[in-house]
Amino acid sequence: MKTIDRFEFPETVGESRSWKPVTRRKALHSQVLCHARTRIEGMWAAYIFPVPGMNHEEEEWLWKTEGNKLPEDIARAIFPAFRELPYAK
């Protein structure tokens, strides 16, 4: 594994089989979530999406179908923990 900042990314096919992305969630409103996750190539991206607002833990998966990728400057402001990683274009 290679380490960028404090995040680990796979360097081999074998390592990629067991690799899990680091994810973070931020509620901007009870019905608006942002989801950030590292990507296998050593980058990260963040998405914004609407949710019913009943249970954010159950609603977080909606980023896959409802999410819109955030511009880099906004994503970095919301998720400073990823500041050392390149943002996926």
Protein backbone atom coordinates (compact mmCIF):
# COMPACT_ATOMS: atom_id res chain seq x y z
CA MET A 1 0.00 0.00 0.00
CA LYS A 2 1.11 3.55 -0.62
CA THR A 3 0.26 6.28 1.85
CA ILE A 4 -0.77 9.78 0.83
CA ASP A 5 -1.18 12.02 3.86
CA ARG A 6 -2.72 9.46 6.24
CA PHE A 7 -4.75 7.56 3.65
CA GLU A 8 -3.70 4.22 2.19
CA PHE A 9 -4.16 3.21 -1.44
CA PRO A 10 -3.43 -0.12 -3.13
CA GLU A 11 -0.46 -0.58 -5.43
CA THR A 12 -1.15 -4.14 -6.56
CA VAL A 13 -4.15 -6.12 -7.74
CA GLY A 14 -3.96 -8.19 -4.57
CA GLU A 15 -4.06 -5.10 -2.36
CA SER A 16 -6.95 -3.66 -4.35
CA ARG A 17 -9.12 -6.69 -3.57
CA SER A 18 -9.17 -5.89 0.14
CA TRP A 19 -9.00 -2.08 -0.10
CA LYS A 20 -11.90 -0.07 1.33
CA PRO A 21 -12.47 3.64 0.64
CA VAL A 22 -12.47 6.17 3.45
CA THR A 23 -15.82 7.93 3.56
CA ARG A 24 -17.14 10.98 5.37
CA ARG A 25 -20.64 12.45 5.59
CA LYS A 26 -21.68 16.01 6.30
CA ALA A 27 -25.27 17.22 6.66
CA LEU A 28 -25.76 20.71 5.23
CA HIS A 29 -29.44 20.55 6.17
CA SER A 30 -31.69 17.79 7.47
CA GLN A 31 -32.59 17.02 3.85
CA VAL A 32 -29.23 17.70 2.17
CA LEU A 33 -26.16 15.50 2.65
CA CYS A 34 -22.65 15.58 1.28
CA HIS A 35 -20.65 12.39 0.92
CA ALA A 36 -16.88 12.24 0.37
CA ARG A 37 -14.84 9.14 -0.40
CA THR A 38 -11.36 8.21 -1.42
CA ARG A 39 -10.90 6.51 -4.78
CA ILE A 40 -8.68 3.57 -5.53
CA GLU A 41 -6.32 5.63 -7.73
CA GLY A 42 -5.29 7.87 -4.81
CA MET A 43 -7.77 10.70 -5.22
CA TRP A 44 -11.08 11.66 -3.68
CA ALA A 45 -14.42 13.15 -4.67
CA ALA A 46 -17.47 14.57 -2.91
CA TYR A 47 -21.14 14.54 -3.83
CA ILE A 48 -24.20 16.48 -2.72
CA PHE A 49 -27.69 15.00 -2.75
CA PRO A 50 -31.19 15.36 -1.31
CA VAL A 51 -32.49 12.93 1.31
CA PRO A 52 -35.82 12.45 3.11
CA GLY A 53 -34.11 13.50 6.34
CA MET A 54 -35.40 10.68 8.50
CA ASN A 55 -32.16 8.75 9.14
CA HIS A 56 -28.92 9.95 7.59
CA GLU A 57 -27.14 6.66 8.22
CA GLU A 58 -29.70 4.83 6.09
CA GLU A 59 -29.93 7.61 3.51
CA GLU A 60 -26.21 8.08 2.90
CA TRP A 61 -26.15 5.46 0.12
CA LEU A 62 -28.33 7.77 -2.02
CA TRP A 63 -25.17 9.56 -3.17
CA LYS A 64 -24.78 6.77 -5.74
CA THR A 65 -28.07 7.51 -7.49
CA GLU A 66 -28.95 11.08 -6.50
CA GLY A 67 -25.54 12.66 -5.96
CA ASN A 68 -24.02 15.44 -8.00
CA LYS A 69 -20.27 15.85 -7.84
CA LEU A 70 -19.20 19.00 -6.03
CA PRO A 71 -16.71 21.46 -7.50
CA GLU A 72 -13.28 21.04 -5.91
CA ASP A 73 -13.24 24.35 -4.01
CA ILE A 74 -16.59 23.64 -2.34
CA ALA A 75 -15.68 20.02 -1.58
CA ARG A 76 -12.42 21.09 0.06
CA ALA A 77 -14.23 23.64 2.22
CA ILE A 78 -16.70 21.01 3.45
CA PHE A 79 -14.16 18.19 3.90
CA PRO A 80 -10.82 19.62 5.07
CA ALA A 81 -9.65 16.16 6.19
CA PHE A 82 -8.88 15.36 2.53
CA ARG A 83 -6.79 18.52 1.98
CA GLU A 84 -3.58 16.70 0.99
CA LEU A 85 -5.21 14.41 -1.58
CA PRO A 86 -5.75 15.36 -5.21
CA TYR A 87 -9.39 15.90 -6.16
CA ALA A 88 -10.72 13.62 -8.91
CA LYS A 89 -11.69 15.56 -12.03
